[in-house]
Amino acid sequence: MAKNPQHYMGLDGFKWFVGVVEDNNDPDKLGRVKVRSYGFHTKDLTDIPTDSLPWASVMSPTNDTSMQGIGKFSKIVNGTWVVGFYMDAAEMQNPIVMGTLKGKPSYKDKRFGFSDPNDVYPEQKNSNSGHGTDKDDNDFTTETQFIESDVNRLAKNETDLSHTVLTTKEEGRSKTIPIANSDETFDEPASTYAAVYPDNNVIETSSGHIKEYDDTTDAERIHEYHKSGTFYEIDKDGNKVTRIVGDNYQIVAGKEFVNVKGDVNLTIDANCNTYVKGDWNIQVDGNVIENIKGTYDQNVTGDSTIDAKTINLNSGTKGAARLDDQVDTGDDPAGISGSDGSNKIESASTTVIIGD
């Protein structure tokens, strides 16, 4: 038994705290934050400036391996409420943050403690989500409450406080896309978002990246969204919609097998270049229809073979004569049908050769 067991963590009295993060720029890049704790630190920044607060380590869950870059990392933004405890109850210089607290934050004022010293969070209106407040940032006379809680709008799904991404995605939908050789068109499907609190699990970063794992009954979805507008969304029936606002590159080092059991409609608004360095084998069990409104050029270095029951070639007003086709309606000229008066071609080649 140690001489002074009260100096050991757990034996010196458990001391926990609730506070506000004022600095998340850890110089050691360990994810630590500086927390001003209620009841232990003053609101006056002159008495206890942010720089003098100790760095608090942030606890991770057991499914997050904190070893050599393995696991997860996400920042806690300044102004966030957290709860934790001190490993050293007497000195209170080794705090541990156990988690964050959601709520309706009271009025911020960077001139005092317990607020974001950078005057960023909470924002009067978040440009990515629309998450806002009813407070004028220039009014320091009263302490009022913000309109919304800290819970993401996509998780709450309140009619009068919808998330900006819902409007952005709808406005960017492609519609009336023509289908080849048809009068029909198709539209990019609309989002099936119909979340019911608290079934939608949402992750949103400060720049506007979003992930949703929605467990709402009959509206289950998976949605991943990039701040640029590129996203994919899978609805309750397994239908997937992907929109790429930039370029798309797909590199397959090995083989690729694709089996589409339904119809495929491919509409390309610009050019399409296909380069096959090996053989190109195409099997069509039905019909092939090609509607070319411009020029059709075919350059074959080797042989070209066309084998069909009937081949119809139509170019201009002059046709090609076939065996037994009538030559003319006049007298049989010498050398055509052997002067037998039939006016028919009586010999022909089974192969049409153009050139030498």
Protein backbone atom coordinates (compact mmCIF):
# COMPACT_ATOMS: atom_id res chain seq x y z
CA MET A 1 0.00 0.00 0.00
CA ALA A 2 1.35 3.41 -0.98
CA LYS A 3 2.04 5.94 1.79
CA ASN A 4 -0.27 8.52 0.24
CA PRO A 5 -2.98 6.58 -1.56
CA GLN A 6 -5.13 9.69 -1.80
CA HIS A 7 -2.78 10.94 -4.55
CA TYR A 8 -3.76 8.09 -6.87
CA MET A 9 -6.55 8.54 -9.42
CA GLY A 10 -9.74 7.04 -8.07
CA LEU A 11 -8.56 7.29 -4.47
CA ASP A 12 -8.29 11.08 -4.25
CA GLY A 13 -11.96 11.79 -4.92
CA PHE A 14 -13.64 11.76 -8.32
CA LYS A 15 -13.99 15.30 -9.67
CA TRP A 16 -16.05 15.79 -12.82
CA PHE A 17 -16.83 18.93 -14.81
CA VAL A 18 -19.06 20.50 -17.45
CA GLY A 19 -17.48 23.17 -19.61
CA VAL A 20 -17.05 24.83 -22.98
CA VAL A 21 -14.26 24.20 -25.51
CA GLU A 22 -12.30 27.36 -26.23
CA ASP A 23 -9.34 25.97 -28.20
CA ASN A 24 -9.13 22.87 -30.42
CA ASN A 25 -5.84 23.64 -32.17
CA ASP A 26 -3.72 21.09 -30.33
CA PRO A 27 -0.02 21.72 -31.16
CA ASP A 28 0.70 17.99 -30.73
CA LYS A 29 -2.24 17.07 -33.00
CA LEU A 30 -3.64 14.58 -30.50
CA GLY A 31 -7.19 15.87 -30.73
CA ARG A 32 -6.94 17.59 -27.34
CA VAL A 33 -8.99 20.67 -26.43
CA LYS A 34 -8.90 23.43 -23.84
CA VAL A 35 -12.04 23.52 -21.72
CA ARG A 36 -13.30 26.26 -19.41
CA SER A 37 -15.12 24.39 -16.64
CA TYR A 38 -18.13 25.79 -14.82
CA GLY A 39 -17.52 26.19 -11.10
CA PHE A 40 -13.75 25.80 -11.47
CA HIS A 41 -12.86 28.59 -13.93
CA THR A 42 -14.05 32.18 -14.07
CA LYS A 43 -15.84 33.85 -16.95
CA ASP A 44 -13.35 36.72 -16.88
CA LEU A 45 -10.69 36.17 -19.55
CA THR A 46 -8.33 38.49 -17.68
CA ASP A 47 -8.28 36.27 -14.60
CA ILE A 48 -7.97 33.01 -16.54
CA PRO A 49 -7.12 33.51 -20.25
CA THR A 50 -7.79 30.67 -22.66
CA ASP A 51 -4.05 30.06 -23.11
CA SER A 52 -3.68 29.16 -19.45
CA LEU A 53 -6.28 26.38 -19.55
CA PRO A 54 -4.83 22.84 -19.52
CA TRP A 55 -5.13 20.60 -22.56
CA ALA A 56 -7.82 17.95 -22.10
CA SER A 57 -7.50 14.56 -23.76
CA VAL A 58 -10.64 13.34 -25.52
CA MET A 59 -11.95 9.87 -24.71
CA SER A 60 -12.80 7.61 -27.65
CA PRO A 61 -15.33 4.75 -27.62
CA THR A 62 -14.13 1.15 -27.42
CA ASN A 63 -14.84 0.55 -31.14
CA ASP A 64 -12.31 3.26 -32.03
CA THR A 65 -8.74 1.93 -31.97
CA SER A 66 -6.48 4.82 -30.95
CA MET A 67 -3.25 3.35 -32.29
CA GLN A 68 -0.94 4.47 -35.13
CA GLY A 69 -3.65 6.18 -37.14
CA ILE A 70 -6.07 3.26 -36.83
CA GLY A 71 -9.55 4.37 -35.83
CA LYS A 72 -11.51 7.59 -36.18
CA PHE A 73 -10.78 11.27 -35.80
CA SER A 74 -13.22 14.16 -35.69
CA LYS A 75 -12.69 17.60 -34.26
CA ILE A 76 -14.74 19.22 -31.51
CA VAL A 77 -15.44 22.79 -32.60
CA ASN A 78 -14.89 25.69 -30.25
CA GLY A 79 -18.00 26.66 -28.31
CA THR A 80 -19.06 23.02 -27.82
CA TRP A 81 -20.29 21.95 -24.39
CA VAL A 82 -18.48 18.92 -23.00
CA VAL A 83 -18.47 16.78 -19.86
CA GLY A 84 -15.45 15.09 -18.33
CA PHE A 85 -13.36 14.52 -15.23
CA TYR A 86 -9.94 15.33 -13.80
CA MET A 87 -7.40 12.54 -13.42
CA ASP A 88 -5.70 14.68 -10.77
CA ALA A 89 -8.50 15.84 -8.48
CA ALA A 90 -6.22 18.07 -6.41
CA GLU A 91 -4.37 20.00 -9.14
CA MET A 92 -7.00 19.72 -11.92
CA GLN A 93 -4.37 19.91 -14.66
CA ASN A 94 -5.10 16.59 -16.41
CA PRO A 95 -8.68 16.74 -17.64
CA ILE A 96 -10.36 14.03 -19.73
CA VAL A 97 -13.33 14.88 -21.99
CA MET A 98 -15.83 12.02 -21.95
CA GLY A 99 -18.35 13.43 -24.42
CA THR A 100 -20.20 16.41 -25.82
CA LEU A 101 -23.54 17.87 -24.73
CA LYS A 102 -26.29 19.04 -27.04
CA GLY A 103 -28.63 21.81 -25.98
CA LYS A 104 -29.84 25.31 -26.81
CA PRO A 105 -26.71 27.39 -26.23
CA SER A 106 -27.17 30.71 -24.47
CA TYR A 107 -25.99 33.93 -26.06
CA LYS A 108 -22.34 34.01 -27.11
CA ASP A 109 -19.98 36.88 -26.50
CA LYS A 110 -16.32 36.37 -27.31
CA ARG A 111 -15.33 39.08 -24.81
CA PHE A 112 -15.97 36.57 -22.04
CA GLY A 113 -15.17 32.96 -21.33
CA PHE A 114 -17.41 29.96 -22.02
CA SER A 115 -17.68 30.93 -25.70
CA ASP A 116 -15.77 30.49 -28.94
CA PRO A 117 -12.91 33.03 -28.84
CA ASN A 118 -12.87 33.00 -32.66
CA ASP A 119 -16.52 34.11 -32.71
CA VAL A 120 -17.51 31.37 -35.18
CA TYR A 121 -19.76 28.98 -33.26
CA PRO A 122 -22.62 29.02 -32.78
CA GLU A 123 -23.28 30.82 -36.07
CA GLN A 124 -26.20 33.17 -36.57
CA LYS A 125 -26.90 31.15 -39.72
CA ASN A 126 -24.89 28.17 -40.86
CA SER A 127 -24.33 28.54 -44.61
CA ASN A 128 -24.23 24.77 -45.15
CA SER A 129 -27.35 23.68 -43.32
CA GLY A 130 -29.32 26.86 -42.62
CA HIS A 131 -29.08 26.09 -38.90
CA GLY A 132 -29.61 29.53 -37.39
CA THR A 133 -30.42 31.72 -34.43
CA ASP A 134 -32.78 34.57 -33.68
CA LYS A 135 -30.01 36.65 -32.20
CA ASP A 136 -28.30 39.67 -33.73
CA ASP A 137 -24.58 39.17 -33.25
CA ASN A 138 -24.12 42.89 -32.69
CA ASP A 139 -26.56 42.98 -29.75
CA PHE A 140 -24.70 42.37 -26.49
CA THR A 141 -27.37 43.76 -24.18
CA THR A 142 -29.35 40.64 -23.36
CA GLU A 143 -28.85 36.91 -23.05
CA THR A 144 -31.50 35.17 -25.12
CA GLN A 145 -31.77 31.62 -26.42
CA PHE A 146 -31.08 30.48 -29.95
CA ILE A 147 -33.99 29.18 -32.02
CA GLU A 148 -32.67 25.66 -32.43
CA SER A 149 -31.07 22.93 -30.45
CA ASP A 150 -27.71 21.55 -31.52
CA VAL A 151 -29.34 18.46 -33.10
CA ASN A 152 -28.86 18.33 -36.88
CA ARG A 153 -31.85 19.47 -38.94
CA LEU A 154 -31.79 16.26 -40.98
CA ALA A 155 -32.28 14.31 -37.77
CA LYS A 156 -35.16 16.49 -36.57
CA ASN A 157 -37.00 17.04 -39.90
CA GLU A 158 -39.02 20.03 -38.77
CA THR A 159 -41.17 21.57 -41.50
CA ASP A 160 -40.27 25.18 -40.76
CA LEU A 161 -36.57 24.41 -40.24
CA SER A 162 -35.54 22.23 -43.17
CA HIS A 163 -31.91 21.49 -44.01
CA THR A 164 -30.49 23.48 -46.94
CA VAL A 165 -29.18 20.31 -48.63
CA LEU A 166 -32.74 19.15 -49.35
CA THR A 167 -33.45 22.24 -51.47
CA THR A 168 -30.01 22.16 -53.09
CA LYS A 169 -30.44 18.55 -54.21
CA GLU A 170 -33.94 19.15 -55.56
CA GLU A 171 -32.91 22.25 -57.52
CA GLY A 172 -30.03 20.31 -59.12
CA ARG A 173 -32.14 17.38 -60.34
CA SER A 174 -31.85 16.55 -64.05
CA LYS A 175 -35.23 16.19 -65.74
CA THR A 176 -36.72 15.32 -69.16
CA ILE A 177 -33.67 13.36 -70.30
CA PRO A 178 -34.37 11.88 -73.78
CA ILE A 179 -34.22 8.15 -74.43
CA ALA A 180 -32.58 6.95 -77.67
CA ASN A 181 -34.89 6.33 -80.69
CA SER A 182 -37.93 7.13 -78.57
CA ASP A 183 -40.27 9.96 -77.68
CA GLU A 184 -39.96 9.00 -74.00
CA THR A 185 -37.86 10.79 -71.38
CA PHE A 186 -36.80 10.11 -67.81
CA ASP A 187 -36.05 12.22 -64.71
CA GLU A 188 -33.45 11.87 -62.01
CA PRO A 189 -35.46 10.54 -59.04
CA ALA A 190 -36.16 12.91 -56.16
CA SER A 191 -34.80 12.19 -52.69
CA THR A 192 -36.99 9.89 -50.60
CA TYR A 193 -35.97 11.69 -47.38
CA ALA A 194 -38.78 11.39 -44.82
CA ALA A 195 -36.88 11.11 -41.53
CA VAL A 196 -38.71 10.80 -38.23
CA TYR A 197 -36.89 11.83 -35.05
CA PRO A 198 -34.92 10.09 -33.55
CA ASP A 199 -34.42 7.40 -36.22
CA ASN A 200 -32.08 9.26 -38.59
CA ASN A 201 -28.39 8.95 -37.66
CA VAL A 202 -26.57 11.97 -39.10
CA ILE A 203 -22.95 13.03 -39.36
CA GLU A 204 -22.20 16.52 -40.67
CA THR A 205 -18.79 18.21 -40.76
CA SER A 206 -18.08 21.91 -40.45
CA SER A 207 -17.53 22.29 -44.22
CA GLY A 208 -20.84 20.62 -45.13
CA HIS A 209 -20.02 16.95 -45.80
CA ILE A 210 -22.93 14.72 -44.71
CA LYS A 211 -23.57 11.06 -43.96
CA GLU A 212 -26.99 9.68 -43.07
CA TYR A 213 -28.00 6.23 -41.89
CA ASP A 214 -31.76 6.59 -41.71
CA ASP A 215 -33.73 3.91 -39.86
CA THR A 216 -37.12 5.60 -40.25
CA THR A 217 -39.76 2.91 -40.82
CA ASP A 218 -40.67 2.60 -44.54
CA ALA A 219 -38.19 5.37 -45.38
CA GLU A 220 -34.86 3.71 -44.62
CA ARG A 221 -31.98 5.33 -46.50
CA ILE A 222 -28.22 5.61 -46.78
CA HIS A 223 -26.98 8.97 -48.01
CA GLU A 224 -23.49 10.39 -48.46
CA TYR A 225 -23.08 13.97 -49.64
CA HIS A 226 -20.02 16.05 -50.58
CA LYS A 227 -20.20 19.81 -50.03
CA SER A 228 -19.76 20.35 -53.80
CA GLY A 229 -23.08 18.62 -54.51
CA THR A 230 -21.80 15.17 -55.47
CA PHE A 231 -23.73 12.46 -53.62
CA TYR A 232 -25.25 9.01 -53.67
CA GLU A 233 -28.49 7.94 -51.99
CA ILE A 234 -30.01 4.48 -51.50
CA ASP A 235 -33.73 4.31 -50.73
CA LYS A 236 -35.76 1.73 -48.81
CA ASP A 237 -36.21 -0.46 -51.91
CA GLY A 238 -32.50 -0.57 -52.71
CA ASN A 239 -32.70 1.95 -55.56
CA LYS A 240 -29.54 4.02 -55.83
CA VAL A 241 -29.21 7.55 -57.22
CA THR A 242 -25.74 8.99 -57.88
CA ARG A 243 -25.04 12.55 -58.98
CA ILE A 244 -21.48 13.64 -59.81
CA VAL A 245 -21.14 17.38 -60.34
CA GLY A 246 -17.52 17.09 -61.49
CA ASP A 247 -15.61 14.44 -63.45
CA ASN A 248 -15.83 10.71 -62.73
CA TYR A 249 -12.84 8.36 -63.05
CA GLN A 250 -13.06 4.60 -62.55
CA ILE A 251 -9.95 2.45 -62.84
CA VAL A 252 -10.25 -1.34 -62.63
CA ALA A 253 -6.90 -3.13 -62.41
CA GLY A 254 -8.40 -6.59 -62.87
CA LYS A 255 -11.50 -7.88 -64.65
CA GLU A 256 -14.92 -6.32 -64.48
CA PHE A 257 -18.23 -8.14 -64.81
CA VAL A 258 -21.49 -6.21 -65.09
CA ASN A 259 -24.91 -7.82 -65.33
CA VAL A 260 -27.92 -5.54 -65.80
CA LYS A 261 -31.11 -7.59 -65.62
CA GLY A 262 -33.37 -4.76 -66.78
CA ASP A 263 -33.21 -2.14 -69.53
CA VAL A 264 -30.33 0.31 -69.91
CA ASN A 265 -30.90 3.87 -71.11
CA LEU A 266 -27.68 5.76 -71.83
CA THR A 267 -27.97 9.42 -72.81
CA ILE A 268 -24.74 11.36 -73.40
CA ASP A 269 -25.02 15.12 -73.89
CA ALA A 270 -21.54 15.44 -75.42
CA ASN A 271 -19.12 13.09 -77.21
CA CYS A 272 -18.38 9.42 -76.50
CA ASN A 273 -15.01 7.86 -77.29
CA THR A 274 -14.52 4.09 -76.95
CA TYR A 275 -11.04 2.62 -77.35
CA VAL A 276 -10.69 -1.18 -77.14
CA LYS A 277 -7.07 -2.33 -77.32
CA GLY A 278 -8.04 -5.98 -77.68
CA ASP A 279 -11.00 -7.69 -79.32
CA TRP A 280 -14.55 -6.36 -79.06
CA ASN A 281 -17.19 -9.07 -79.06
CA ILE A 282 -20.83 -8.03 -79.26
CA GLN A 283 -23.72 -10.46 -79.16
CA VAL A 284 -27.24 -9.17 -79.76
CA ASP A 285 -30.09 -11.68 -79.54
CA GLY A 286 -32.63 -9.13 -80.74
CA ASN A 287 -32.51 -6.27 -83.24
CA VAL A 288 -29.97 -3.47 -83.64
CA ILE A 289 -31.17 0.00 -84.63
CA GLU A 290 -28.70 2.78 -85.38
CA ASN A 291 -29.98 6.28 -86.11
CA ILE A 292 -27.09 8.44 -87.27
CA LYS A 293 -27.91 12.05 -88.16
CA GLY A 294 -24.38 12.97 -89.16
CA THR A 295 -21.63 11.19 -91.10
CA TYR A 296 -20.86 7.50 -90.58
CA ASP A 297 -17.19 6.64 -91.18
CA GLN A 298 -15.82 3.12 -90.82
CA ASN A 299 -12.11 2.48 -91.23
CA VAL A 300 -11.15 -1.22 -91.18
CA THR A 301 -7.47 -2.09 -91.51
CA GLY A 302 -8.09 -5.83 -91.90
CA ASP A 303 -10.99 -7.72 -93.50
CA SER A 304 -14.65 -6.79 -93.08
CA THR A 305 -17.34 -9.44 -93.34
CA ILE A 306 -21.10 -8.90 -93.35
CA ASP A 307 -23.29 -12.01 -93.41
CA ALA A 308 -27.08 -11.62 -93.37
CA LYS A 309 -30.18 -13.14 -94.91
CA THR A 310 -30.92 -9.87 -96.69
CA ILE A 311 -28.72 -6.80 -97.02
CA ASN A 312 -30.42 -3.55 -98.06
CA LEU A 313 -28.13 -0.74 -99.17
CA ASN A 314 -29.71 2.56 -100.08
CA SER A 315 -27.60 5.53 -101.07
CA GLY A 316 -28.81 8.18 -103.50
CA THR A 317 -31.21 7.34 -106.37
CA LYS A 318 -29.22 4.67 -108.19
CA GLY A 319 -29.57 1.06 -107.09
CA ALA A 320 -27.32 -1.98 -107.41
CA ALA A 321 -28.28 -4.69 -109.89
CA ARG A 322 -28.87 -8.24 -108.66
CA LEU A 323 -29.14 -11.61 -110.40
CA ASP A 324 -32.51 -11.77 -112.26
CA ASP A 325 -33.17 -8.03 -111.86
CA GLN A 326 -34.62 -6.48 -115.04
CA VAL A 327 -32.01 -4.45 -116.86
CA ASP A 328 -34.14 -2.25 -119.10
CA THR A 329 -37.39 -2.18 -120.98
CA GLY A 330 -35.89 -1.78 -124.44
CA ASP A 331 -34.28 -4.20 -126.85
CA ASP A 332 -31.67 -6.46 -125.40
CA PRO A 333 -28.28 -4.92 -126.20
CA ALA A 334 -25.53 -7.26 -127.14
CA GLY A 335 -23.43 -8.68 -124.34
CA ILE A 336 -25.94 -8.34 -121.49
CA SER A 337 -28.09 -11.44 -121.69
CA GLY A 338 -26.58 -13.26 -124.60
CA SER A 339 -29.13 -11.73 -127.04
CA ASP A 340 -31.91 -13.95 -125.73
CA GLY A 341 -34.26 -10.96 -125.25
CA SER A 342 -34.79 -11.55 -121.51
CA ASN A 343 -33.49 -8.13 -120.43
CA LYS A 344 -32.05 -9.76 -117.28
CA ILE A 345 -28.55 -10.04 -115.85
CA GLU A 346 -27.72 -13.69 -116.16
CA SER A 347 -24.45 -13.75 -114.16
CA ALA A 348 -23.36 -12.09 -110.93
CA SER A 349 -20.73 -12.37 -108.20
CA THR A 350 -21.81 -13.69 -104.78
CA THR A 351 -19.28 -11.33 -103.23
CA VAL A 352 -19.33 -7.57 -103.85
CA ILE A 353 -15.78 -6.29 -104.08
CA ILE A 354 -14.93 -2.59 -104.09
CA GLY A 355 -11.37 -1.75 -105.10
CA ASP A 356 -8.69 -4.16 -106.32
